[in-house]
Protein backbone atom coordinates (compact mmCIF):
# COMPACT_ATOMS: atom_id res chain seq x y z
CA MET A 1 156.91 131.98 32.86
CA HIS A 2 159.42 134.36 31.28
CA MET A 3 161.13 137.65 32.01
CA ALA A 4 162.75 140.19 29.71
CA ILE A 5 165.72 142.48 30.33
CA ASP A 6 166.43 145.41 28.03
CA GLN A 7 169.80 146.92 27.12
CA TYR A 8 169.56 149.33 30.07
CA GLY A 9 169.01 146.56 32.64
CA VAL A 10 165.29 147.21 33.12
CA ALA A 11 163.53 143.91 33.89
CA ILE A 12 159.95 143.03 33.02
CA TYR A 13 158.57 140.00 34.87
CA GLY A 14 155.60 137.70 34.49
CA LEU A 15 155.57 137.22 30.74
CA VAL A 16 153.47 134.24 29.71
CA HIS A 17 153.58 135.04 25.99
CA PRO A 18 156.78 137.12 25.69
CA ARG A 19 156.15 138.97 22.41
CA LYS A 20 152.49 139.71 23.06
CA ASP A 21 152.99 140.67 26.71
CA LEU A 22 155.96 142.93 25.94
CA LEU A 23 153.96 144.80 23.33
CA LEU A 24 151.17 145.37 25.84
CA ARG A 25 153.51 146.60 28.58
CA VAL A 26 156.00 148.61 26.54
CA GLY A 27 153.63 149.99 23.97
CA GLY A 28 153.48 149.59 20.24
CA GLY A 29 156.22 150.00 17.75
CA ARG A 30 158.02 147.96 15.18
CA VAL A 31 158.87 144.45 16.40
CA SER A 32 161.85 142.45 15.13
CA LYS A 33 163.39 139.24 16.37
CA MET A 34 166.80 139.57 18.01
CA TYR A 35 169.48 136.95 17.35
CA TRP A 36 172.86 136.14 18.91
CA ASP A 37 175.73 134.46 17.08
CA ARG A 38 177.12 131.45 18.86
CA LEU A 39 180.74 130.31 18.94
CA ASP A 40 179.94 127.30 16.74
CA GLY A 41 178.71 129.62 13.96
CA THR A 42 174.97 129.12 14.48
CA THR A 43 172.50 131.80 15.55
CA ARG A 44 169.78 131.72 18.22
CA HIS A 45 166.61 133.75 18.59
CA VAL A 46 167.06 135.30 22.05
CA GLY A 47 164.57 138.14 22.20
CA TYR A 48 162.85 141.05 20.49
CA VAL A 49 163.63 144.60 19.45
CA ILE A 50 160.57 146.78 20.09
CA GLY A 51 160.98 150.37 18.99
CA ASN A 52 164.40 151.43 20.28
CA ARG A 53 164.58 148.83 23.11
CA TRP A 54 166.30 145.45 22.83
CA PHE A 55 164.82 142.75 25.08
CA THR A 56 166.55 139.48 25.91
CA ILE A 57 164.06 136.82 27.06
CA TYR A 58 164.82 134.44 29.94
CA THR A 59 162.88 131.46 31.27
CA VAL A 60 162.08 131.66 34.98
CA GLU A 61 161.86 128.43 36.97
CA PRO A 62 161.10 127.98 40.66
CA TRP A 63 164.17 127.32 42.76
CA GLU A 64 163.68 124.36 45.04
CA GLY A 65 167.14 124.07 46.51
CA LYS A 66 169.05 120.86 47.04
CA GLU A 67 167.32 117.67 48.01
CA ARG A 68 168.52 116.27 51.33
CA PRO A 69 169.56 112.63 51.48
């Protein structure tokens, strides 16, 4: 499961297929991959630009808390 947050802080939850689901929820428009430069000089694909909105994609995992001894 994934979530996306745009440049304004608006979150979209429940994305199974991030690109496809974002297009359905946000509406059409030109889609481009969004990259971030890392400190070691490499780049990473971190999201999508759809129309005039920039979405960063995050993986959502269930939080189970600490295991007790």
